[in-house]
N, C-alpha and C. Protein backbone atom coordinates (compact mmCIF):
# COMPACT_ATOMS: atom_id res chain seq x y z
N MET A 1 190.48 185.15 73.99
CA MET A 1 189.65 183.62 74.17
C MET A 1 188.70 183.51 73.16
N ARG A 2 188.18 184.58 73.52
CA ARG A 2 186.11 184.65 73.12
C ARG A 2 186.30 184.63 71.52
N ILE A 3 187.70 185.62 70.97
CA ILE A 3 187.81 185.74 69.43
C ILE A 3 188.22 184.15 68.78
N LEU A 4 189.04 183.96 69.99
CA LEU A 4 189.70 182.43 69.87
C LEU A 4 188.39 181.46 69.39
N ALA A 5 187.79 181.54 70.36
CA ALA A 5 186.26 180.88 69.87
C ALA A 5 185.15 181.20 68.54
N ALA A 6 185.46 182.69 68.62
CA ALA A 6 184.75 182.82 67.40
C ALA A 6 185.13 182.50 66.29
N LEU A 7 186.27 182.21 66.07
CA LEU A 7 186.69 182.62 64.73
C LEU A 7 186.79 180.03 64.85
N ALA A 8 186.20 179.06 65.32
CA ALA A 8 186.49 178.08 65.53
C ALA A 8 185.14 178.00 65.28
N LEU A 9 184.13 178.74 65.61
CA LEU A 9 182.88 178.60 65.55
C LEU A 9 182.32 178.75 64.12
N ILE A 10 182.82 180.16 63.39
CA ILE A 10 182.82 180.64 61.95
C ILE A 10 183.32 179.58 61.53
N LEU A 11 184.94 179.11 61.26
CA LEU A 11 184.97 178.22 60.41
C LEU A 11 184.64 176.94 61.05
N THR A 12 183.98 176.29 61.64
CA THR A 12 183.64 174.54 61.61
C THR A 12 181.77 175.18 60.74
N VAL A 13 181.01 176.21 60.81
CA VAL A 13 180.00 176.22 60.27
C VAL A 13 180.33 175.79 58.79
N ALA A 14 181.47 176.85 58.44
CA ALA A 14 181.61 177.54 56.65
C ALA A 14 182.13 175.53 56.67
N ALA A 15 182.11 174.99 56.70
CA ALA A 15 183.17 173.92 57.21
C ALA A 15 181.80 172.87 56.67
N CYS A 16 180.64 173.11 57.46
CA CYS A 16 179.90 171.78 57.24
C CYS A 16 179.01 171.90 56.16
N GLY A 17 179.02 173.18 55.43
CA GLY A 17 178.19 173.41 53.88
C GLY A 17 177.09 174.00 54.57
N PHE A 18 176.92 174.70 55.32
CA PHE A 18 175.65 176.17 56.19
C PHE A 18 175.50 176.90 54.86
N GLU A 19 174.58 177.27 54.86
CA GLU A 19 173.87 178.13 53.98
C GLU A 19 172.49 178.80 54.38
N PRO A 20 172.88 180.43 54.79
CA PRO A 20 171.83 180.81 55.16
C PRO A 20 170.84 181.17 54.48
N VAL A 21 169.35 180.19 54.55
CA VAL A 21 168.15 180.31 54.09
C VAL A 21 168.08 181.70 53.05
N TYR A 22 167.94 182.26 53.88
CA TYR A 22 167.99 184.22 52.95
C TYR A 22 169.18 184.99 53.10
N GLY A 23 170.33 184.17 52.62
CA GLY A 23 171.74 185.06 52.02
C GLY A 23 171.42 184.57 49.88
N PRO A 24 172.37 185.51 49.99
CA PRO A 24 172.41 185.34 48.42
C PRO A 24 172.44 184.19 47.55
N GLY A 25 171.44 183.67 47.13
CA GLY A 25 170.92 182.19 46.20
C GLY A 25 170.72 181.67 47.17
N GLY A 26 170.50 181.42 48.34
CA GLY A 26 169.73 180.44 49.54
C GLY A 26 168.16 180.48 49.01
N ALA A 27 167.67 179.30 50.11
CA ALA A 27 166.05 178.22 49.10
C ALA A 27 165.21 179.97 49.85
N GLY A 28 165.61 180.95 50.75
CA GLY A 28 164.66 181.57 50.99
C GLY A 28 163.60 182.62 50.17
N THR A 29 165.08 183.13 49.87
CA THR A 29 164.95 184.17 48.36
C THR A 29 164.52 183.37 47.14
N GLN A 30 165.06 182.09 46.36
CA GLN A 30 164.39 181.58 45.69
C GLN A 30 163.12 181.57 45.16
N LEU A 31 162.28 181.36 46.92
CA LEU A 31 161.01 181.15 46.86
C LEU A 31 160.19 182.17 47.38
N GLN A 32 161.12 184.10 47.77
CA GLN A 32 160.24 184.87 47.95
C GLN A 32 159.28 185.14 46.85
N ASN A 33 158.16 185.60 46.89
CA ASN A 33 157.14 186.69 45.48
C ASN A 33 157.46 185.67 44.60
N ARG A 34 157.54 184.57 44.57
CA ARG A 34 157.30 183.49 43.23
C ARG A 34 156.60 182.37 43.11
N VAL A 35 155.79 182.63 44.71
CA VAL A 35 154.81 181.11 44.54
C VAL A 35 153.73 181.73 44.54
N LEU A 36 152.57 181.25 43.86
CA LEU A 36 151.43 181.51 43.78
C LEU A 36 150.57 180.02 44.46
N VAL A 37 149.95 180.75 45.61
CA VAL A 37 149.18 179.65 46.61
C VAL A 37 147.80 179.42 46.05
N ASP A 38 147.18 178.42 45.80
CA ASP A 38 145.95 177.91 45.61
C ASP A 38 144.79 178.85 46.43
N LYS A 39 143.86 179.29 45.70
CA LYS A 39 142.56 180.08 46.70
C LYS A 39 141.86 179.59 47.61
N PRO A 40 141.76 179.60 48.81
CA PRO A 40 140.92 179.12 49.55
C PRO A 40 139.81 178.58 49.84
N ILE A 41 138.71 177.90 50.28
CA ILE A 41 137.64 177.49 49.80
C ILE A 41 136.87 177.64 51.37
N ASP A 42 137.50 177.94 52.33
CA ASP A 42 137.07 178.04 53.88
C ASP A 42 137.69 179.12 54.96
N ARG A 43 137.33 179.28 55.56
CA ARG A 43 137.92 179.99 56.92
C ARG A 43 139.53 179.36 56.93
N GLU A 44 139.46 178.20 57.29
CA GLU A 44 140.90 177.74 57.93
C GLU A 44 141.74 177.54 57.23
N GLY A 45 141.38 177.75 55.40
CA GLY A 45 142.24 177.81 54.37
C GLY A 45 142.50 179.12 54.22
N PHE A 46 141.73 180.49 54.01
CA PHE A 46 141.58 181.77 54.40
C PHE A 46 142.71 181.84 55.71
N LEU A 47 143.00 181.18 56.02
CA LEU A 47 144.26 181.70 57.37
C LEU A 47 145.24 181.47 57.22
N LEU A 48 145.31 179.90 56.65
CA LEU A 48 146.63 179.69 55.85
C LEU A 48 146.92 179.49 55.18
N VAL A 49 146.81 180.62 53.76
CA VAL A 49 146.87 181.24 52.98
C VAL A 49 147.41 182.66 53.20
N ARG A 50 146.79 183.41 53.73
CA ARG A 50 146.70 184.05 55.00
C ARG A 50 149.15 183.76 55.11
N GLN A 51 148.69 183.03 56.20
CA GLN A 51 150.34 183.14 56.76
C GLN A 51 150.88 182.71 55.89
N LEU A 52 151.05 181.96 54.76
CA LEU A 52 151.80 181.40 53.78
C LEU A 52 152.46 182.35 52.79
N GLU A 53 151.21 183.52 52.23
CA GLU A 53 151.40 184.56 51.58
C GLU A 53 152.29 185.71 52.47
N GLU A 54 152.07 185.66 53.75
CA GLU A 54 152.79 186.79 54.54
C GLU A 54 154.45 186.18 54.40
N ARG A 55 154.11 185.05 54.48
CA ARG A 55 156.51 184.36 54.63
C ARG A 55 156.39 184.09 53.22
N LEU A 56 156.66 184.05 52.11
CA LEU A 56 156.93 183.93 51.11
C LEU A 56 156.41 185.09 50.02
N GLY A 57 155.75 185.60 50.58
CA GLY A 57 155.46 186.90 49.32
C GLY A 57 154.16 186.41 48.54
N ARG A 58 153.78 187.17 48.00
CA ARG A 58 152.50 187.33 46.83
C ARG A 58 153.56 187.57 45.40
N SER A 59 153.06 186.69 44.77
CA SER A 59 153.06 186.64 43.27
C SER A 59 152.64 187.04 42.02
N GLY A 60 153.25 188.14 41.41
CA GLY A 60 152.36 188.20 39.92
C GLY A 60 152.75 187.61 38.73
N ASP A 61 153.66 186.85 39.03
CA ASP A 61 154.52 185.92 37.63
C ASP A 61 155.33 185.02 38.48
N PRO A 62 154.56 183.75 38.77
CA PRO A 62 154.28 182.70 40.10
C PRO A 62 155.60 181.73 39.25
N ALA A 63 156.77 181.33 39.69
CA ALA A 63 157.30 179.88 38.97
C ALA A 63 157.25 178.95 39.54
N TYR A 64 156.15 179.07 41.22
CA TYR A 64 155.59 177.49 41.43
C TYR A 64 154.54 178.20 41.86
N ALA A 65 153.54 177.10 41.97
CA ALA A 65 151.88 177.42 42.05
C ALA A 65 152.18 175.94 43.27
N LEU A 66 151.75 176.53 44.51
CA LEU A 66 151.82 175.56 46.20
C LEU A 66 149.81 175.33 46.40
N GLY A 67 149.99 173.91 45.66
CA GLY A 67 148.37 173.02 46.16
C GLY A 67 148.11 172.93 47.48
N ILE A 68 146.99 172.77 48.09
CA ILE A 68 147.32 172.52 49.69
C ILE A 68 145.75 171.59 49.47
N GLN A 69 145.83 170.59 50.31
CA GLN A 69 145.07 169.76 50.62
C GLN A 69 144.96 170.19 52.08
N LEU A 70 143.74 170.35 52.87
CA LEU A 70 143.47 171.00 54.21
C LEU A 70 142.56 170.38 55.20
N SER A 71 143.25 169.90 55.80
CA SER A 71 141.78 168.93 57.14
C SER A 71 141.57 169.23 58.29
N VAL A 72 141.32 169.92 59.13
CA VAL A 72 140.48 170.10 59.68
C VAL A 72 139.43 169.59 61.09
N LYS A 73 139.73 169.13 61.99
CA LYS A 73 139.00 168.08 62.50
C LYS A 73 139.08 168.33 64.69
N GLU A 74 138.07 168.59 65.44
CA GLU A 74 137.63 168.77 66.73
C GLU A 74 137.62 167.07 67.03
N GLU A 75 138.72 166.92 68.42
CA GLU A 75 138.45 166.43 69.52
C GLU A 75 138.01 166.55 70.85
N ALA A 76 137.22 165.99 71.36
CA ALA A 76 137.11 166.56 72.83
C ALA A 76 138.48 165.61 73.33
N ARG A 77 138.54 166.04 74.83
CA ARG A 77 139.95 165.87 75.46
C ARG A 77 139.12 166.02 77.19
N ALA A 78 138.68 166.72 77.39
CA ALA A 78 138.52 166.97 78.96
C ALA A 78 136.79 167.22 79.73
N ILE A 79 136.33 165.78 80.11
CA ILE A 79 134.98 166.00 80.40
C ILE A 79 135.33 165.78 81.92
N ASP A 80 134.22 167.17 81.93
CA ASP A 80 134.14 166.70 83.77
C ASP A 80 133.05 165.48 84.56
N PRO A 81 133.18 165.46 85.78
CA PRO A 81 131.77 164.87 85.93
C PRO A 81 130.52 164.71 85.67
N ASP A 82 130.32 166.17 85.53
CA ASP A 82 128.64 166.28 84.61
C ASP A 82 128.70 165.93 83.15
N GLY A 83 129.77 165.59 82.69
CA GLY A 83 129.79 165.11 81.19
C GLY A 83 129.84 166.66 79.97
N ASP A 84 130.11 167.24 81.01
CA ASP A 84 130.13 168.48 79.98
C ASP A 84 132.17 168.39 79.47
N ILE A 85 132.17 168.91 78.03
CA ILE A 85 133.22 169.24 77.64
C ILE A 85 133.91 169.90 77.98
N ARG A 86 134.87 170.13 78.69
CA ARG A 86 135.81 171.29 78.77
C ARG A 86 136.86 171.24 78.38
N ARG A 87 137.81 170.61 77.31
CA ARG A 87 138.94 170.85 76.56
C ARG A 87 138.60 170.38 75.60
N PHE A 88 139.55 171.59 74.43
CA PHE A 88 139.34 170.57 72.78
C PHE A 88 140.85 170.59 72.35
N HIS A 89 141.11 169.25 71.50
CA HIS A 89 141.94 169.97 70.98
C HIS A 89 141.61 170.18 68.92
N VAL A 90 141.85 170.92 68.35
CA VAL A 90 141.43 171.17 67.04
C VAL A 90 143.40 170.19 66.28
N ILE A 91 142.87 169.28 65.40
CA ILE A 91 143.78 168.71 64.51
C ILE A 91 144.32 168.98 62.87
N GLY A 92 145.44 169.43 62.90
CA GLY A 92 144.97 170.18 61.46
C GLY A 92 145.89 169.39 60.89
N GLU A 93 146.03 168.81 59.54
CA GLU A 93 147.16 168.11 58.71
C GLU A 93 146.05 169.05 57.18
N ALA A 94 147.89 169.57 56.67
CA ALA A 94 147.74 169.72 54.97
C ALA A 94 148.86 168.93 54.31
N THR A 95 148.62 168.60 53.21
CA THR A 95 149.13 167.99 51.97
C THR A 95 149.30 168.96 50.88
N TYR A 96 150.58 169.43 51.10
CA TYR A 96 150.93 170.19 50.02
C TYR A 96 152.18 169.92 48.83
N SER A 97 151.69 170.31 47.60
CA SER A 97 152.20 169.80 46.42
C SER A 97 152.90 171.36 45.38
N LEU A 98 154.09 171.69 45.79
CA LEU A 98 154.71 172.63 44.98
C LEU A 98 154.97 172.07 43.58
N SER A 99 154.36 172.62 43.13
CA SER A 99 154.68 172.50 41.07
C SER A 99 155.28 173.49 40.15
N ASP A 100 156.20 173.30 39.70
CA ASP A 100 156.61 174.28 38.67
C ASP A 100 155.71 174.62 37.38
N THR A 101 155.57 175.51 36.74
CA THR A 101 154.11 176.73 36.57
C THR A 101 154.77 176.66 35.20
N SER A 102 155.83 176.24 34.62
CA SER A 102 156.51 176.29 33.86
C SER A 102 156.36 174.38 32.89
N THR A 103 156.95 174.44 33.91
CA THR A 103 156.83 172.67 33.35
C THR A 103 155.19 171.86 34.02
N GLY A 104 154.73 171.76 35.42
CA GLY A 104 154.08 171.76 35.49
C GLY A 104 154.03 169.82 36.57
N ALA A 105 155.67 169.93 36.51
CA ALA A 105 156.46 169.19 37.53
C ALA A 105 155.97 169.24 39.08
N VAL A 106 155.74 168.32 39.72
CA VAL A 106 155.92 169.39 41.20
C VAL A 106 157.13 168.83 41.60
N VAL A 107 158.02 169.82 42.47
CA VAL A 107 158.94 170.08 43.33
C VAL A 107 159.48 169.48 43.79
N GLN A 108 158.29 169.45 44.82
CA GLN A 108 158.20 168.80 47.10
C GLN A 108 156.50 168.52 47.01
N SER A 109 156.76 167.66 47.52
CA SER A 109 155.25 167.47 48.21
C SER A 109 155.55 166.69 49.73
N ASN A 110 154.10 166.69 50.39
CA ASN A 110 154.92 166.47 51.51
C ASN A 110 153.34 166.53 52.64
N THR A 111 153.29 166.45 53.68
CA THR A 111 152.23 166.57 55.22
C THR A 111 152.81 166.50 55.93
N VAL A 112 152.21 168.19 56.45
CA VAL A 112 152.44 168.38 57.73
C VAL A 112 151.01 168.36 58.77
N ASP A 113 151.06 167.72 60.20
CA ASP A 113 150.47 168.19 60.70
C ASP A 113 150.87 168.73 62.29
N ASN A 114 149.85 169.34 62.72
CA ASN A 114 150.00 169.59 64.22
C ASN A 114 148.29 169.58 64.66
N PHE A 115 148.52 170.18 66.15
CA PHE A 115 147.51 170.19 67.10
C PHE A 115 147.05 170.89 68.06
N VAL A 116 146.48 171.93 68.27
CA VAL A 116 146.84 173.12 69.54
C VAL A 116 145.27 172.74 70.29
N GLY A 117 145.03 173.18 71.59
CA GLY A 117 144.15 172.72 72.05
C GLY A 117 143.35 174.48 72.80
N TYR A 118 141.95 174.36 73.18
CA TYR A 118 141.44 175.52 73.68
C TYR A 118 140.49 174.88 74.48
N SER A 119 140.48 175.95 76.10
CA SER A 119 139.41 175.95 76.95
C SER A 119 137.62 176.00 76.77
N ALA A 120 136.78 175.69 77.28
CA ALA A 120 135.80 175.81 76.90
C ALA A 120 135.14 175.81 78.76
N THR A 121 135.87 176.09 79.40
CA THR A 121 135.18 176.55 80.63
C THR A 121 134.54 177.77 81.16
N GLY A 122 133.86 179.06 79.65
CA GLY A 122 133.69 180.18 80.28
C GLY A 122 132.19 180.18 79.47
N THR A 123 131.80 181.42 79.08
CA THR A 123 130.73 181.40 79.08
C THR A 123 130.47 180.78 77.22
N THR A 124 129.83 180.31 76.67
CA THR A 124 128.95 180.14 75.05
C THR A 124 130.62 181.43 73.99
N VAL A 125 129.81 182.45 74.80
CA VAL A 125 130.99 183.79 73.85
C VAL A 125 132.35 183.72 73.75
N ALA A 126 132.80 182.97 74.94
CA ALA A 126 134.51 183.41 75.51
C ALA A 126 134.77 181.51 74.62
N THR A 127 133.93 180.82 74.96
CA THR A 127 134.43 179.20 73.62
C THR A 127 134.65 179.30 72.70
N LEU A 128 133.39 179.88 71.71
CA LEU A 128 133.60 180.39 70.66
C LEU A 128 135.27 181.32 69.81
N ALA A 129 135.55 182.09 70.99
CA ALA A 129 136.46 182.79 70.48
C ALA A 129 137.26 181.85 70.72
N ALA A 130 137.94 181.49 72.11
CA ALA A 130 139.13 180.79 72.06
C ALA A 130 139.49 179.54 71.12
N LYS A 131 137.86 178.93 70.51
CA LYS A 131 138.19 178.25 69.09
C LYS A 131 138.60 179.03 67.86
N ARG A 132 138.61 180.38 67.68
CA ARG A 132 138.34 180.76 66.79
C ARG A 132 140.43 181.35 67.12
N ASP A 133 140.38 181.22 67.64
CA ASP A 133 142.07 181.68 68.51
C ASP A 133 143.12 180.54 67.49
N ALA A 134 142.65 179.48 68.57
CA ALA A 134 143.56 178.48 68.54
C ALA A 134 143.07 177.36 66.80
N THR A 135 142.67 178.49 66.09
CA THR A 135 142.38 177.35 64.66
C THR A 135 143.30 178.61 64.07
N GLU A 136 143.78 179.91 64.26
CA GLU A 136 144.53 180.53 63.75
C GLU A 136 145.50 180.33 63.96
N ARG A 137 145.65 179.85 65.63
CA ARG A 137 147.04 179.31 65.70
C ARG A 137 147.92 177.93 65.27
N LEU A 138 146.29 176.74 64.50
CA LEU A 138 147.03 176.42 63.94
C LEU A 138 147.40 176.06 62.87
N MET A 139 147.02 177.05 61.90
CA MET A 139 147.26 177.35 60.40
C MET A 139 148.37 177.92 60.48
N THR A 140 148.41 178.91 61.71
CA THR A 140 149.74 179.49 61.51
C THR A 140 151.18 178.64 62.26
N MET A 141 150.75 177.98 62.99
CA MET A 141 151.83 176.69 62.74
C MET A 141 152.05 175.75 61.66
N LEU A 142 151.24 175.68 60.97
CA LEU A 142 151.26 174.36 59.73
C LEU A 142 151.76 175.49 58.73
N ALA A 143 151.50 176.86 58.99
CA ALA A 143 152.82 177.27 57.38
C ALA A 143 153.97 177.52 57.36
N ASP A 144 153.82 177.18 58.98
CA ASP A 144 155.81 177.80 59.47
C ASP A 144 155.99 175.96 58.93
N GLU A 145 155.65 175.41 58.88
CA GLU A 145 155.71 173.72 59.18
C GLU A 145 156.37 173.72 57.28
N ILE A 146 154.86 174.10 56.59
CA ILE A 146 154.81 174.26 55.70
C ILE A 146 156.61 174.86 54.71
N VAL A 147 156.43 175.93 54.81
CA VAL A 147 157.70 177.03 54.57
C VAL A 147 159.01 176.28 55.15
N LEU A 148 158.89 175.99 56.24
CA LEU A 148 160.56 175.34 56.94
C LEU A 148 160.73 173.90 55.54
N GLN A 149 160.23 173.86 55.52
CA GLN A 149 160.38 172.20 54.27
C GLN A 149 160.65 172.54 53.42
N LEU A 150 159.91 173.82 52.13
CA LEU A 150 160.21 174.44 51.82
C LEU A 150 161.47 174.86 51.88
N GLN A 151 162.00 175.92 52.41
CA GLN A 151 163.31 176.74 52.40
C GLN A 151 164.37 175.50 52.75
N ALA A 152 163.98 174.51 53.41
CA ALA A 152 164.72 173.20 53.70
C ALA A 152 165.51 172.27 52.15
N SER A 153 164.74 172.35 51.29
CA SER A 153 164.63 171.59 50.01
C SER A 153 165.52 172.12 49.43
N ASP A 154 165.63 170.71 48.18
CA ASP A 154 167.01 171.51 47.33
C ASP A 154 165.83 171.82 45.90
N LEU A 155 165.59 173.61 46.19
CA LEU A 155 165.30 173.43 44.41
C LEU A 155 165.58 173.60 43.51
C-alpha cells in the first residue's frame, strides 16, 4: 500500500511540472556563483550581502548584477507605565534589481519586507546586543526572501 501511495505521489509531482530548484538546469544552479551583489554601505547592508553571498555564492565572472536599496527603521512597540520603552520592532525593506551584466537589461526586480522584534528590559549592554541580533535576523530573513523570489523566477 505504501509503495502504491509513493508511486502515486511521484506521478502527481511529475505531472505538475515540479522541478527541483537545485536539480539539473534548475533556477538555483543557474544563479549559483553567477551573481555579483552590490557593495554594502553600512552594517545592515553588509549583513544582507553576506547572507546573499552565502546562498548564491561569490562570482569571479558574474552573469548577473544584483542591486539593492535597503531601508531599515525602528519603532517603539511596548511602553511601560513609567514611560520606558520595553519592546522595539526593526522593520526592513529591500528593493532589489537583478540585471544581465552583458546587456544591462533588468531581468527581475521586486521589493521584500519583514520585521523582527527585540526586548529592551535588561541593561544597556543587553539591549544593544538584542538590537544587533534582531538586525542580523532581519537581514537573514530579507536575504532568504530575495533568494526565494530569484529562484522561483524563470530566468
